[in-house]
N, C-alpha and C. Protein backbone atom coordinates (compact mmCIF):
# COMPACT_ATOMS: atom_id res chain seq x y z
N MET A 1 89.38 71.35 105.93
CA MET A 1 90.34 72.02 106.79
C MET A 1 90.73 73.37 106.17
N GLU A 2 90.79 74.42 107.00
CA GLU A 2 91.11 75.76 106.52
C GLU A 2 92.60 75.90 106.25
N GLN A 3 92.91 76.74 105.23
CA GLN A 3 94.29 77.07 104.93
C GLN A 3 94.81 78.05 105.98
N PRO A 4 96.08 77.94 106.38
CA PRO A 4 96.62 78.92 107.32
C PRO A 4 96.64 80.31 106.66
N GLN A 5 96.33 81.32 107.46
CA GLN A 5 96.28 82.68 106.96
C GLN A 5 97.67 83.32 107.02
N ALA A 6 98.01 84.05 105.98
CA ALA A 6 99.30 84.72 105.92
C ALA A 6 99.25 86.04 106.68
N LEU A 7 100.29 86.32 107.42
CA LEU A 7 100.40 87.61 108.11
C LEU A 7 100.90 88.67 107.13
N CYS A 8 100.50 89.87 107.38
CA CYS A 8 100.98 90.99 106.57
C CYS A 8 102.50 91.08 106.70
N PRO A 9 103.21 91.18 105.58
CA PRO A 9 104.67 91.24 105.66
C PRO A 9 105.18 92.52 106.30
N TYR A 10 104.33 93.53 106.46
CA TYR A 10 104.75 94.80 107.06
C TYR A 10 104.40 94.88 108.55
N LEU A 11 103.79 93.85 109.08
CA LEU A 11 103.30 93.87 110.46
C LEU A 11 104.41 94.18 111.46
N GLU A 12 105.56 93.60 111.31
CA GLU A 12 106.64 93.78 112.27
C GLU A 12 107.42 95.07 112.08
N ARG A 13 107.14 95.81 111.03
CA ARG A 13 107.84 97.08 110.80
C ARG A 13 107.31 98.19 111.69
N ARG A 14 106.15 97.98 112.28
CA ARG A 14 105.53 98.97 113.16
C ARG A 14 105.42 100.33 112.48
N ASP A 15 104.96 100.30 111.26
CA ASP A 15 104.82 101.52 110.46
C ASP A 15 103.70 102.39 111.05
N MET A 16 103.94 103.68 111.16
CA MET A 16 102.96 104.60 111.75
C MET A 16 101.67 104.64 110.93
N ARG A 17 101.75 104.33 109.65
CA ARG A 17 100.55 104.36 108.80
C ARG A 17 99.55 103.28 109.21
N CYS A 18 99.99 102.29 109.95
CA CYS A 18 99.09 101.23 110.43
C CYS A 18 98.38 101.62 111.72
N GLY A 19 98.72 102.77 112.27
CA GLY A 19 98.19 103.19 113.56
C GLY A 19 96.68 103.23 113.66
N GLY A 20 96.00 103.63 112.59
CA GLY A 20 94.55 103.70 112.62
C GLY A 20 93.88 102.35 112.70
N THR A 21 94.54 101.35 112.18
CA THR A 21 94.00 99.99 112.22
C THR A 21 94.39 99.26 113.49
N MET A 22 95.60 99.51 113.95
CA MET A 22 96.14 98.78 115.10
C MET A 22 95.76 99.44 116.42
N THR A 23 94.47 99.46 116.70
CA THR A 23 93.98 99.98 117.97
C THR A 23 93.08 98.94 118.62
N LEU A 24 92.86 99.08 119.90
CA LEU A 24 91.97 98.14 120.60
C LEU A 24 90.55 98.22 120.06
N VAL A 25 90.12 99.42 119.70
CA VAL A 25 88.77 99.60 119.16
C VAL A 25 88.62 98.84 117.84
N ASN A 26 89.68 98.84 117.03
CA ASN A 26 89.64 98.19 115.72
C ASN A 26 90.27 96.80 115.73
N LEU A 27 90.42 96.20 116.88
CA LEU A 27 91.10 94.91 116.98
C LEU A 27 90.54 93.83 116.04
N PRO A 28 89.21 93.67 115.95
CA PRO A 28 88.70 92.65 115.01
C PRO A 28 89.10 92.94 113.56
N GLU A 29 89.05 94.21 113.18
CA GLU A 29 89.44 94.61 111.82
C GLU A 29 90.95 94.40 111.61
N ALA A 30 91.74 94.71 112.61
CA ALA A 30 93.19 94.51 112.52
C ALA A 30 93.51 93.04 112.32
N PHE A 31 92.88 92.16 113.08
CA PHE A 31 93.11 90.72 112.91
C PHE A 31 92.66 90.26 111.53
N ARG A 32 91.52 90.77 111.08
CA ARG A 32 91.01 90.36 109.77
C ARG A 32 91.98 90.75 108.66
N LEU A 33 92.48 91.98 108.71
CA LEU A 33 93.37 92.45 107.66
C LEU A 33 94.80 91.97 107.85
N CYS A 34 95.36 92.20 109.00
CA CYS A 34 96.78 91.94 109.22
C CYS A 34 97.12 90.46 109.36
N ALA A 35 96.16 89.69 109.78
CA ALA A 35 96.42 88.26 109.99
C ALA A 35 95.58 87.41 109.06
N GLY A 36 95.44 87.85 107.83
CA GLY A 36 94.73 86.98 106.92
C GLY A 36 94.31 87.57 105.59
N ASP A 37 94.08 88.87 105.54
CA ASP A 37 93.56 89.44 104.30
C ASP A 37 94.23 90.78 103.99
N HIS A 38 95.56 90.81 104.16
CA HIS A 38 96.27 92.08 103.98
C HIS A 38 96.21 92.61 102.56
N GLU A 39 95.90 91.77 101.59
CA GLU A 39 95.77 92.23 100.20
C GLU A 39 94.60 93.22 100.04
N ARG A 40 93.67 93.23 100.97
CA ARG A 40 92.53 94.15 100.93
C ARG A 40 92.78 95.43 101.74
N CYS A 41 93.91 95.52 102.38
CA CYS A 41 94.24 96.66 103.24
C CYS A 41 94.82 97.80 102.41
N THR A 42 94.22 98.97 102.51
CA THR A 42 94.73 100.12 101.76
C THR A 42 96.10 100.57 102.26
N VAL A 43 96.34 100.44 103.55
CA VAL A 43 97.64 100.83 104.12
C VAL A 43 98.74 99.91 103.59
N TYR A 44 98.46 98.63 103.49
CA TYR A 44 99.42 97.67 102.93
C TYR A 44 99.86 98.14 101.54
N HIS A 45 98.90 98.53 100.73
CA HIS A 45 99.21 98.96 99.37
C HIS A 45 99.95 100.30 99.35
N GLN A 46 99.66 101.19 100.30
CA GLN A 46 100.38 102.46 100.40
C GLN A 46 101.85 102.21 100.75
N ILE A 47 102.07 101.35 101.73
CA ILE A 47 103.44 101.04 102.14
C ILE A 47 104.19 100.37 101.00
N ARG A 48 103.55 99.44 100.36
CA ARG A 48 104.17 98.72 99.25
C ARG A 48 104.53 99.67 98.11
N GLN A 49 103.62 100.56 97.78
CA GLN A 49 103.87 101.54 96.72
C GLN A 49 105.03 102.46 97.10
N SER A 50 105.06 102.88 98.35
CA SER A 50 106.13 103.73 98.84
C SER A 50 107.48 103.01 98.76
N ASP A 51 107.51 101.76 99.16
CA ASP A 51 108.74 100.97 99.09
C ASP A 51 109.22 100.83 97.64
N ARG A 52 108.30 100.59 96.75
CA ARG A 52 108.67 100.47 95.33
C ARG A 52 109.24 101.79 94.81
N PHE A 53 108.60 102.89 95.18
CA PHE A 53 109.04 104.21 94.74
C PHE A 53 110.45 104.50 95.23
N HIS A 54 110.72 104.11 96.47
CA HIS A 54 112.03 104.37 97.06
C HIS A 54 113.03 103.24 96.81
N GLY A 55 112.63 102.23 96.06
CA GLY A 55 113.54 101.14 95.71
C GLY A 55 113.88 100.22 96.85
N ALA A 56 113.00 100.13 97.83
CA ALA A 56 113.27 99.30 99.00
C ALA A 56 112.21 98.24 99.17
N VAL A 57 112.06 97.37 98.19
CA VAL A 57 111.04 96.33 98.27
C VAL A 57 111.67 95.10 98.92
N PRO A 58 111.37 94.86 100.20
CA PRO A 58 111.91 93.68 100.86
C PRO A 58 111.34 92.40 100.24
N ALA A 59 112.10 91.33 100.30
CA ALA A 59 111.67 90.06 99.72
C ALA A 59 110.33 89.61 100.27
N LEU A 60 110.06 89.85 101.55
CA LEU A 60 108.81 89.43 102.15
C LEU A 60 107.60 90.15 101.56
N ALA A 61 107.79 91.37 101.11
CA ALA A 61 106.67 92.17 100.63
C ALA A 61 106.32 91.89 99.17
N ARG A 62 107.16 91.18 98.48
CA ARG A 62 106.88 90.89 97.08
C ARG A 62 105.81 89.83 96.97
N SER A 63 104.98 89.95 95.95
CA SER A 63 103.93 88.95 95.71
C SER A 63 104.57 87.66 95.28
N ALA A 64 103.95 86.58 95.70
CA ALA A 64 104.45 85.26 95.33
C ALA A 64 104.03 84.90 93.94
């Protein structure tokens, strides 16, 4: 049985930096990254780095 996939903790923030991935053309890639493999997403790491720099690391975005 497969493990449930974790959603990207930034998905609901509707960050503009995700715009290139969150398109109908890139829908399969968006599902792959945002709904299961966000640790491989460069935008995820950019947002996370930015949050750390600005001191706004939400609890959801922290690594377990």
